[in-house]
Amino acid sequence: MFKTWLCVVCGLIYDEALGWPDDGIVAGTRWEDVPADWKCPECKVGKEDFEMLDISPVVAAAAAPLSTPLPVPPQPLQTLAADVRQPIVIIGSGYAGYGLAQALRRADAEVEIRVLTQESGHLYSKPALSIGLAQGKSADALAGESALAIEKRLKIRVYPHCTVERIDTTARRLHTNIGEMEYGQLVLASGAAPIRLPIEGASDALISVNNLHDYRSFRERLVGVRRVAILGDGLIGCEFANDLAASGFQVSVIGLGKWPMERLLPAEAGQHLQSALAALGVSWHLQNTLRRVDALEQGYCLTLANGESLEADLVLSAVGLQPNLGLAKCAGLAVGRGIRVDAQLQSSQPGIYALGDCIEVDGQLLPYLAPINQGIAALSKTLLGQPTAVSYPLMPVTVKTPAAPLCLLAPAPGTAGEWRCTPSADGLSAGFYDAQGLACGFVLLGRQAQTQRNSWLQSCQNAQRSVA
């Protein structure tokens, strides 16, 4: 049985079944047979540092490899297409869209699959956007297969730079900037867009990084830049702060929290993360927000809500994402915070499904790789005629902050309880316990604490079963 290994520094997954072909490590290569001098492709820690953690028992709920596409297995594929309403059209070429296309092709050799995307259609890792700078990765380096290569490998059609303008749900037709197209079943994997706060003054100075095109522009804007201000002290803001500071930039973070990632971390963990990033040179402006931006001869003057001002050459907005709902709303689909879907990811309109960052499940958004993986597995079966409900196990999230490696499992929203923290040599472990004393969440901060991941996850799983 193949095992799966997690880099506790950056969250990269090494799956023995897939290997790492980019580095000449063929599929099926066991961890012990990986060359001793192999480095993590994302953060460059080595095998000898024992930074990879066996997560095989929970791999189904973990993230997939960040940059290597899932190969089509060599074994013969079933052909189910005759019983499936075709074509299956996927709007979106992100992790969810291409992941679903790959899962469908693995299950059925003949079903007609089309992917429509406003982007170039290149396969790339969105999670890598916030850690690519310190690794010296250009946009071209992050871009994987081209649309043409994906078409050839998966035997699908990809339509790059294609904007869907309207969905005719009655006729099952799409109106796009390149013409009309019919669909048999439709999947909206349209993702989410950066939230734009109403900032006075030169608000167009704020940039966000949410796709490969954004990253390319970001790298171009960094040329000659020394001071970067980040608006947002959440997960993505902290990842960018780590990446930029480790790359030699002077970084200032502006955020509403009392400590970084306040909504996800107890005070002790947040303060430790804050100190670790401060040691890299990050300055913090917390319990604060950006009120106004004024252009200077060189750079910008930022005025904060408390009257404080600071100067920056570039302002990065990382205050969060909001699902892209425009197309769904115009089609008459039920929406709330996201596109509302049932247990099988079907929207309020028969034949139209949604997947990824754009969906709302029981009132919650699930913008992480693990729940998207679960959705891909179930939806591929549903679309091929085997209705399957999505099952969401407990799914820890790895935050890519090498200065203080962080893994967390947030307690369910509204759960009453308390955090209990235990210091470790380079961080801490914290468990969230409900009123009955059952563990229902955890935070592991620092490399030493990461080794406790499986035991903490097992404890939370046992607690979940005891109240089921």
Protein backbone atom coordinates (compact mmCIF):
# COMPACT_ATOMS: atom_id res chain seq x y z
CA MET A 1 0.00 0.00 0.00
CA PHE A 2 1.37 3.37 -1.01
CA LYS A 3 1.79 6.09 1.61
CA THR A 4 1.38 9.84 1.45
CA TRP A 5 3.73 12.33 3.09
CA LEU A 6 3.16 15.92 4.15
CA CYS A 7 5.79 18.67 4.23
CA VAL A 8 5.09 20.30 7.57
CA VAL A 9 6.78 23.52 6.50
CA CYS A 10 4.80 24.39 3.37
CA GLY A 11 2.03 21.78 3.11
CA LEU A 12 3.22 20.03 -0.05
CA ILE A 13 2.05 16.44 -0.43
CA TYR A 14 4.31 13.64 -1.69
CA ASP A 15 2.19 10.67 -2.79
CA GLU A 16 4.20 7.51 -3.35
CA ALA A 17 1.63 6.34 -5.90
CA LEU A 18 2.28 9.44 -8.05
CA GLY A 19 5.96 10.05 -7.35
CA TRP A 20 7.33 13.42 -8.44
CA PRO A 21 8.02 13.16 -12.20
CA ASP A 22 9.25 16.77 -12.40
CA ASP A 23 12.32 15.65 -10.40
CA GLY A 24 12.67 12.27 -12.11
CA ILE A 25 10.96 10.37 -9.28
CA VAL A 26 8.67 7.92 -11.06
CA ALA A 27 5.20 6.90 -9.89
CA GLY A 28 5.34 4.18 -7.25
CA THR A 29 8.60 5.39 -5.65
CA ARG A 30 8.50 4.69 -1.92
CA TRP A 31 9.56 7.46 0.43
CA GLU A 32 12.58 5.48 1.60
CA ASP A 33 13.69 5.17 -2.05
CA VAL A 34 13.46 8.88 -2.78
CA PRO A 35 17.05 10.17 -3.17
CA ALA A 36 18.55 11.36 0.11
CA ASP A 37 19.40 14.74 -1.38
CA TRP A 38 15.87 15.40 -2.67
CA LYS A 39 14.45 18.72 -1.53
CA CYS A 40 10.80 19.71 -1.12
CA PRO A 41 9.96 21.43 -4.44
CA GLU A 42 8.12 24.23 -2.64
CA CYS A 43 10.16 25.15 0.45
CA LYS A 44 13.42 23.24 -0.15
CA VAL A 45 13.66 21.42 3.20
CA GLY A 46 15.45 18.11 2.82
CA LYS A 47 14.71 14.49 3.64
CA GLU A 48 17.54 14.48 6.13
CA ASP A 49 15.72 17.09 8.19
CA PHE A 50 12.77 14.73 8.75
CA GLU A 51 10.34 17.40 7.66
CA MET A 52 7.92 15.06 5.90
CA LEU A 53 5.11 13.49 7.92
CA ASP A 54 3.27 10.27 7.02
CA ILE A 55 -0.43 11.21 6.70
CA SER A 56 -1.59 8.06 4.90
CA PRO A 57 -4.50 7.35 7.30
CA VAL A 58 -6.10 10.69 6.43
CA VAL A 59 -4.91 11.19 2.86
CA ALA A 60 -8.46 11.21 1.52
CA ALA A 61 -9.08 14.39 3.45
CA ALA A 62 -5.75 16.01 2.70
CA ALA A 63 -4.55 18.26 -0.06
CA ALA A 64 -3.31 16.85 -3.36
CA PRO A 65 0.16 17.63 -4.79
CA LEU A 66 0.43 21.32 -5.52
CA SER A 67 2.11 21.36 -8.90
CA THR A 68 2.14 17.92 -10.49
CA PRO A 69 -1.06 16.99 -12.38
CA LEU A 70 -2.76 13.75 -11.51
CA PRO A 71 -1.92 11.23 -14.25
CA VAL A 72 -4.55 9.19 -16.03
CA PRO A 73 -4.08 5.63 -14.71
CA PRO A 74 -2.80 3.11 -17.25
CA GLN A 75 -5.45 0.48 -16.52
CA PRO A 76 -8.38 0.11 -18.95
CA LEU A 77 -11.19 2.58 -18.32
CA GLN A 78 -14.87 1.79 -18.26
CA THR A 79 -17.09 3.43 -20.83
CA LEU A 80 -20.25 4.79 -19.26
CA ALA A 81 -20.88 7.63 -21.68
CA ALA A 82 -23.88 6.05 -23.39
CA ASP A 83 -25.93 6.50 -20.21
CA VAL A 84 -24.74 10.03 -19.41
CA ARG A 85 -26.27 13.28 -20.59
CA GLN A 86 -23.53 14.98 -22.61
CA PRO A 87 -21.50 17.03 -23.02
CA ILE A 88 -20.39 17.68 -19.47
CA VAL A 89 -19.35 21.33 -19.48
CA ILE A 90 -17.18 22.75 -16.69
CA ILE A 91 -16.87 26.51 -16.28
CA GLY A 92 -13.52 27.20 -14.64
CA SER A 93 -10.00 25.83 -15.04
CA GLY A 94 -8.80 26.10 -11.46
CA TYR A 95 -8.06 23.23 -9.10
CA ALA A 96 -11.74 22.27 -8.92
CA GLY A 97 -12.45 22.48 -12.64
CA TYR A 98 -9.44 20.59 -13.93
CA GLY A 99 -9.55 18.20 -10.98
CA LEU A 100 -13.10 17.23 -11.89
CA ALA A 101 -12.19 16.82 -15.56
CA GLN A 102 -9.37 14.47 -14.59
CA ALA A 103 -11.60 12.44 -12.27
CA LEU A 104 -14.26 12.10 -14.97
CA ARG A 105 -11.72 10.94 -17.51
CA ARG A 106 -10.24 8.40 -15.10
CA ALA A 107 -13.70 6.92 -14.63
CA ASP A 108 -14.90 7.06 -18.24
CA ALA A 109 -12.79 6.91 -21.37
CA GLU A 110 -15.37 8.33 -23.75
CA VAL A 111 -17.62 10.85 -22.01
CA GLU A 112 -17.45 14.25 -23.71
CA ILE A 113 -15.89 16.88 -21.43
CA ARG A 114 -15.46 20.58 -22.16
CA VAL A 115 -13.72 23.13 -19.94
CA LEU A 116 -14.42 26.85 -20.46
CA THR A 117 -12.11 29.36 -18.82
CA GLN A 118 -11.51 33.10 -18.88
CA GLU A 119 -7.82 32.40 -18.19
CA SER A 120 -5.15 30.99 -20.51
CA GLY A 121 -6.04 27.45 -19.51
CA HIS A 122 -2.62 26.62 -18.05
CA LEU A 123 -2.57 24.21 -15.14
CA TYR A 124 -1.07 25.87 -12.08
CA SER A 125 -1.18 25.65 -8.32
CA LYS A 126 -3.20 28.46 -6.77
CA PRO A 127 -1.86 27.70 -3.25
CA ALA A 128 1.66 28.20 -4.63
CA LEU A 129 0.93 31.84 -5.50
CA SER A 130 1.52 32.94 -1.90
CA ILE A 131 4.84 31.10 -1.52
CA GLY A 132 6.38 31.38 -5.00
CA LEU A 133 8.42 34.52 -4.45
CA ALA A 134 10.89 33.15 -1.90
CA GLN A 135 11.47 30.20 -4.22
CA GLY A 136 12.30 32.53 -7.09
CA LYS A 137 9.43 31.22 -9.18
CA SER A 138 8.25 33.36 -12.04
CA ALA A 139 4.74 33.10 -13.45
CA ASP A 140 6.15 30.95 -16.25
CA ALA A 141 7.73 28.63 -13.70
CA LEU A 142 4.42 28.22 -11.86
CA ALA A 143 2.54 27.54 -15.08
CA GLY A 144 2.32 23.84 -15.79
CA GLU A 145 0.65 22.17 -18.75
CA SER A 146 -0.84 24.35 -21.44
CA ALA A 147 -4.46 24.05 -22.51
CA LEU A 148 -3.37 22.13 -25.62
CA ALA A 149 -1.31 19.68 -23.55
CA ILE A 150 -4.23 19.09 -21.19
CA GLU A 151 -6.55 18.52 -24.14
CA LYS A 152 -4.19 15.90 -25.50
CA ARG A 153 -3.57 14.16 -22.17
CA LEU A 154 -7.18 14.00 -21.04
CA LYS A 155 -8.85 13.94 -24.46
CA ILE A 156 -11.12 16.85 -23.60
CA ARG A 157 -11.80 20.26 -25.14
CA VAL A 158 -10.50 23.37 -23.40
CA TYR A 159 -11.71 26.83 -24.45
CA PRO A 160 -9.24 29.47 -23.12
CA HIS A 161 -10.18 33.16 -22.84
CA CYS A 162 -13.84 32.17 -23.00
CA THR A 163 -16.31 34.27 -21.01
CA VAL A 164 -19.73 32.78 -20.35
CA GLU A 165 -22.19 35.65 -20.57
CA ARG A 166 -25.47 33.87 -19.93
CA ILE A 167 -26.92 30.44 -19.15
CA ASP A 168 -30.17 29.44 -20.86
CA THR A 169 -31.34 26.81 -18.39
CA THR A 170 -34.42 25.90 -20.44
CA ALA A 171 -32.55 25.18 -23.67
CA ARG A 172 -29.40 24.02 -21.83
CA ARG A 173 -27.26 26.42 -23.80
CA LEU A 174 -24.42 28.75 -22.90
CA HIS A 175 -23.97 32.15 -24.51
CA THR A 176 -20.28 33.05 -24.60
CA ASN A 177 -18.02 35.64 -26.17
CA ILE A 178 -17.02 33.07 -28.79
CA GLY A 179 -20.52 31.78 -29.59
CA GLU A 180 -23.20 29.50 -28.20
CA MET A 181 -22.66 26.03 -26.79
CA GLU A 182 -25.01 23.32 -25.61
CA TYR A 183 -24.54 21.36 -22.42
CA GLY A 184 -25.93 18.13 -21.11
CA GLN A 185 -24.76 18.70 -17.54
CA LEU A 186 -23.14 21.89 -16.35
CA VAL A 187 -20.67 22.45 -13.50
CA LEU A 188 -19.93 25.94 -12.19
CA ALA A 189 -16.37 25.92 -10.85
CA SER A 190 -16.09 29.68 -11.19
CA GLY A 191 -14.11 30.24 -8.01
CA ALA A 192 -13.97 33.41 -5.95
CA ALA A 193 -12.68 36.94 -6.42
CA PRO A 194 -10.73 39.16 -4.00
CA ILE A 195 -12.84 41.36 -1.73
CA ARG A 196 -12.31 45.04 -2.50
CA LEU A 197 -12.68 47.36 0.47
CA PRO A 198 -13.89 50.94 -0.08
CA ILE A 199 -10.63 52.83 0.42
CA GLU A 200 -10.44 56.61 -0.05
CA GLY A 201 -7.99 58.20 -2.43
CA ALA A 202 -5.93 56.15 -4.88
CA SER A 203 -7.74 52.88 -4.17
CA ASP A 204 -6.58 51.49 -7.53
CA ALA A 205 -3.13 51.23 -5.97
CA LEU A 206 -4.29 48.07 -4.14
CA ILE A 207 -3.52 44.86 -5.98
CA SER A 208 -4.56 41.28 -5.23
CA VAL A 209 -3.06 37.95 -6.29
CA ASN A 210 -5.73 35.37 -7.07
CA ASN A 211 -4.60 33.71 -10.30
CA LEU A 212 -1.61 33.24 -12.56
CA HIS A 213 -2.22 36.51 -14.42
CA ASP A 214 -2.36 38.39 -11.10
CA TYR A 215 0.87 36.74 -10.00
CA ARG A 216 2.61 37.76 -13.20
CA SER A 217 1.53 41.39 -12.68
CA PHE A 218 2.55 41.19 -9.03
CA ARG A 219 6.06 40.04 -9.92
CA GLU A 220 6.38 42.83 -12.48
CA ARG A 221 5.22 45.42 -9.95
CA LEU A 222 7.80 44.21 -7.42
CA VAL A 223 10.71 45.24 -9.62
CA GLY A 224 12.52 48.08 -7.86
CA VAL A 225 10.20 47.85 -4.85
CA ARG A 226 11.50 47.77 -1.26
CA ARG A 227 8.47 48.39 0.99
CA VAL A 228 5.27 46.33 0.75
CA ALA A 229 2.16 46.88 2.84
CA ILE A 230 -0.32 44.01 3.18
CA LEU A 231 -3.94 44.73 4.03
CA GLY A 232 -5.25 41.68 5.87
CA ASP A 233 -3.89 39.65 8.79
CA GLY A 234 -5.63 36.36 7.92
CA LEU A 235 -4.25 33.15 6.49
CA ILE A 236 -3.37 34.48 3.02
CA GLY A 237 -2.01 37.75 4.41
CA CYS A 238 0.31 35.83 6.74
CA GLU A 239 1.50 33.55 3.95
CA PHE A 240 2.36 36.52 1.74
CA ALA A 241 4.01 38.31 4.66
CA ASN A 242 6.28 35.31 5.26
CA ASP A 243 7.07 34.96 1.56
CA LEU A 244 7.84 38.65 1.00
CA ALA A 245 9.86 39.11 4.20
CA ALA A 246 11.88 35.99 3.48
CA SER A 247 12.61 37.50 0.05
CA GLY A 248 14.12 40.63 1.58
CA PHE A 249 11.22 43.07 1.38
CA GLN A 250 10.21 45.39 4.21
CA VAL A 251 6.72 44.21 5.04
CA SER A 252 3.97 45.92 7.03
CA VAL A 253 0.74 44.08 7.82
CA ILE A 254 -2.47 45.98 8.58
CA GLY A 255 -5.30 44.01 10.14
CA LEU A 256 -8.37 44.18 12.33
CA GLY A 257 -7.39 41.35 14.66
CA LYS A 258 -5.80 41.53 18.07
CA TRP A 259 -3.31 39.00 16.70
CA PRO A 260 -2.79 37.38 13.28
CA MET A 261 -5.51 34.92 12.18
CA GLU A 262 -7.57 35.82 15.25
CA ARG A 263 -10.67 33.98 13.99
CA LEU A 264 -8.75 30.70 13.70
CA LEU A 265 -6.07 30.80 16.41
CA PRO A 266 -6.06 31.19 20.18
CA ALA A 267 -4.17 34.21 21.49
CA GLU A 268 -1.03 32.25 22.42
CA ALA A 269 -0.71 30.77 18.93
CA GLY A 270 -1.47 34.04 17.18
CA GLN A 271 1.07 35.92 19.26
CA HIS A 272 3.70 33.26 18.57
CA LEU A 273 3.04 33.50 14.83
CA GLN A 274 3.23 37.29 15.07
CA SER A 275 6.59 37.10 16.82
CA ALA A 276 7.98 34.57 14.35
CA LEU A 277 7.08 36.78 11.38
CA ALA A 278 8.32 39.88 13.21
CA ALA A 279 11.68 38.14 13.52
CA LEU A 280 11.78 38.11 9.71
CA GLY A 281 11.21 41.86 9.72
CA VAL A 282 7.41 42.06 9.44
CA SER A 283 5.92 45.06 11.26
CA TRP A 284 2.35 44.82 12.53
CA HIS A 285 -0.44 47.40 12.62
CA LEU A 286 -3.22 45.44 14.30
CA GLN A 287 -6.71 46.40 15.48
CA ASN A 288 -6.54 48.81 12.60
CA THR A 289 -7.48 49.19 8.96
CA LEU A 290 -6.57 51.25 5.92
CA ARG A 291 -8.62 54.43 5.47
CA ARG A 292 -6.89 56.26 2.63
CA VAL A 293 -4.14 55.86 0.02
CA ASP A 294 -2.37 58.85 -1.51
CA ALA A 295 0.13 58.62 -4.34
CA LEU A 296 3.56 60.12 -3.71
CA GLU A 297 6.29 60.90 -6.18
CA GLN A 298 7.60 57.47 -5.31
CA GLY A 299 5.23 55.00 -3.72
CA TYR A 300 2.20 55.71 -1.56
CA CYS A 301 1.26 57.21 1.78
CA LEU A 302 -1.18 55.04 3.71
CA THR A 303 -3.43 56.61 6.33
CA LEU A 304 -4.75 54.15 8.89
CA ALA A 305 -8.00 54.34 10.86
CA ASN A 306 -6.18 55.33 14.05
CA GLY A 307 -4.56 58.31 12.31
CA GLU A 308 -1.19 56.63 11.93
CA SER A 309 0.48 56.83 8.51
CA LEU A 310 3.12 54.76 6.79
CA GLU A 311 4.74 54.67 3.37
CA ALA A 312 4.89 51.76 0.95
CA ASP A 313 5.95 51.17 -2.63
CA LEU A 314 3.26 48.54 -3.20
CA VAL A 315 -0.01 47.71 -1.42
CA LEU A 316 -1.25 44.12 -1.48
CA SER A 317 -4.87 43.50 -0.51
CA ALA A 318 -5.43 40.10 1.13
CA VAL A 319 -8.64 40.61 3.08
CA GLY A 320 -10.38 37.54 1.72
CA LEU A 321 -12.35 36.20 -1.21
CA GLN A 322 -16.00 36.24 -2.18
CA PRO A 323 -17.56 33.60 -4.47
CA ASN A 324 -18.25 34.61 -8.06
CA LEU A 325 -22.05 34.57 -8.13
CA GLY A 326 -22.94 36.79 -11.09
CA LEU A 327 -23.52 33.99 -13.60
CA ALA A 328 -25.49 31.89 -11.12
CA LYS A 329 -27.69 34.82 -10.10
CA CYS A 330 -28.51 35.69 -13.70
CA ALA A 331 -29.47 32.07 -14.33
CA GLY A 332 -31.89 32.15 -11.40
CA LEU A 333 -29.93 29.77 -9.18
CA ALA A 334 -30.37 30.00 -5.42
CA VAL A 335 -27.44 31.86 -3.86
CA GLY A 336 -26.50 33.07 -0.40
CA ARG A 337 -22.88 33.55 0.57
CA GLY A 338 -22.14 31.17 -2.29
CA ILE A 339 -24.04 29.05 -4.82
CA ARG A 340 -26.32 26.90 -2.69
CA VAL A 341 -25.94 23.20 -3.41
CA ASP A 342 -27.39 20.01 -1.99
CA ALA A 343 -25.51 16.97 -0.71
CA GLN A 344 -24.73 15.95 -4.30
CA LEU A 345 -23.51 19.46 -5.20
CA GLN A 346 -26.53 20.10 -7.41
CA SER A 347 -27.78 23.66 -7.51
CA SER A 348 -31.44 24.66 -7.34
CA GLN A 349 -31.61 24.08 -11.13
CA PRO A 350 -31.61 20.42 -12.27
CA GLY A 351 -28.59 19.53 -14.36
CA ILE A 352 -26.46 22.38 -12.99
CA TYR A 353 -23.90 21.64 -10.29
CA ALA A 354 -21.29 23.74 -8.52
CA LEU A 355 -17.89 22.92 -7.05
CA GLY A 356 -15.00 24.65 -5.29
CA ASP A 357 -14.63 28.13 -3.84
CA CYS A 358 -17.98 29.31 -5.22
CA ILE A 359 -20.28 26.95 -3.29
CA GLU A 360 -22.18 27.23 -0.03
CA VAL A 361 -22.82 24.05 1.96
CA ASP A 362 -25.19 24.30 4.91
CA GLY A 363 -24.51 28.02 5.14
CA GLN A 364 -20.72 27.60 5.10
CA LEU A 365 -18.05 28.31 2.51
CA LEU A 366 -15.36 25.62 2.10
CA PRO A 367 -12.48 27.32 0.24
CA TYR A 368 -9.78 24.72 0.93
CA LEU A 369 -8.29 21.89 -1.12
CA ALA A 370 -9.46 19.07 1.11
CA PRO A 371 -13.22 19.69 0.79
CA ILE A 372 -12.76 20.35 -2.92
CA ASN A 373 -11.11 16.93 -3.23
CA GLN A 374 -14.10 15.36 -1.51
CA GLY A 375 -16.43 17.19 -3.87
CA ILE A 376 -14.50 16.06 -6.93
CA ALA A 377 -14.66 12.41 -5.87
CA ALA A 378 -18.42 12.48 -5.31
CA LEU A 379 -19.45 14.74 -8.17
CA SER A 380 -17.55 12.75 -10.79
CA LYS A 381 -19.68 9.73 -9.84
CA THR A 382 -22.90 11.73 -9.83
CA LEU A 383 -22.27 13.16 -13.27
CA LEU A 384 -21.61 9.67 -14.61
CA GLY A 385 -24.94 8.34 -13.43
CA GLN A 386 -24.16 7.19 -9.89
CA PRO A 387 -25.69 9.85 -7.57
CA THR A 388 -23.26 10.26 -4.67
CA ALA A 389 -23.48 12.57 -1.67
CA VAL A 390 -20.30 14.36 -0.61
CA SER A 391 -18.87 13.25 2.72
CA TYR A 392 -16.77 15.81 4.56
CA PRO A 393 -14.44 14.22 7.12
CA LEU A 394 -12.42 16.33 9.53
CA MET A 395 -10.00 18.24 7.32
CA PRO A 396 -6.94 20.00 8.81
CA VAL A 397 -5.57 23.03 7.00
CA THR A 398 -1.85 23.63 6.52
CA VAL A 399 -0.79 27.28 6.56
CA LYS A 400 2.34 27.94 4.50
CA THR A 401 4.36 30.02 6.95
CA PRO A 402 7.82 28.40 7.13
CA ALA A 403 8.87 30.84 9.86
CA ALA A 404 6.34 29.05 12.08
CA PRO A 405 4.88 25.94 10.40
CA LEU A 406 1.18 25.83 11.19
CA CYS A 407 -1.55 23.23 10.90
CA LEU A 408 -5.05 23.69 12.28
CA LEU A 409 -8.46 22.14 12.47
CA ALA A 410 -10.99 24.81 13.35
CA PRO A 411 -13.88 23.80 15.61
CA ALA A 412 -17.31 23.89 14.00
CA PRO A 413 -18.81 27.40 13.92
CA GLY A 414 -20.73 28.22 17.07
CA THR A 415 -19.12 25.49 19.19
CA ALA A 416 -18.81 26.60 22.80
CA GLY A 417 -15.60 25.65 24.55
CA GLU A 418 -12.07 26.69 25.40
CA TRP A 419 -8.55 26.48 24.05
CA ARG A 420 -5.87 24.70 26.09
CA CYS A 421 -2.29 25.39 25.02
CA THR A 422 0.88 23.38 25.66
CA PRO A 423 4.26 24.94 24.78
CA SER A 424 6.78 22.98 22.71
CA ALA A 425 10.45 23.62 21.94
CA ASP A 426 9.69 25.82 18.92
CA GLY A 427 6.00 26.60 19.25
CA LEU A 428 2.95 25.05 20.86
CA SER A 429 0.05 22.67 20.47
CA ALA A 430 -3.46 23.78 21.36
CA GLY A 431 -6.66 21.81 21.62
CA PHE A 432 -10.19 23.21 21.56
CA TYR A 433 -12.46 21.39 24.02
CA ASP A 434 -16.23 21.66 24.14
CA ALA A 435 -18.42 21.85 27.26
CA GLN A 436 -18.20 18.05 27.65
CA GLY A 437 -14.42 18.14 27.54
CA LEU A 438 -14.22 16.56 24.06
CA ALA A 439 -11.52 17.69 21.63
CA CYS A 440 -13.12 19.23 18.55
CA GLY A 441 -10.29 21.29 17.05
CA PHE A 442 -6.57 21.88 17.30
CA VAL A 443 -3.70 24.18 16.35
CA LEU A 444 -0.15 22.87 15.88
CA LEU A 445 2.49 25.59 15.61
CA GLY A 446 6.17 24.88 15.02
CA ARG A 447 7.91 21.91 13.48
CA GLN A 448 7.95 19.79 16.61
CA ALA A 449 4.19 20.12 17.08
CA GLN A 450 3.49 18.90 13.53
CA THR A 451 4.42 15.35 14.53
CA GLN A 452 1.26 15.29 16.68
CA ARG A 453 -1.04 15.88 13.71
CA ASN A 454 -2.34 12.33 13.35
CA SER A 455 -2.90 11.81 17.07
CA TRP A 456 -4.82 15.08 17.37
CA LEU A 457 -6.90 14.25 14.34
CA GLN A 458 -7.69 10.82 15.75
CA SER A 459 -8.78 12.37 19.05
CA CYS A 460 -11.14 14.74 17.26
CA GLN A 461 -12.51 11.92 15.13
CA ASN A 462 -13.18 9.82 18.24
CA ALA A 463 -14.94 12.77 19.88
CA GLN A 464 -17.06 13.27 16.78
CA ARG A 465 -18.11 9.61 16.77
CA SER A 466 -19.00 9.69 20.46
CA VAL A 467 -21.63 12.37 19.91
CA ALA A 468 -22.90 11.08 16.56
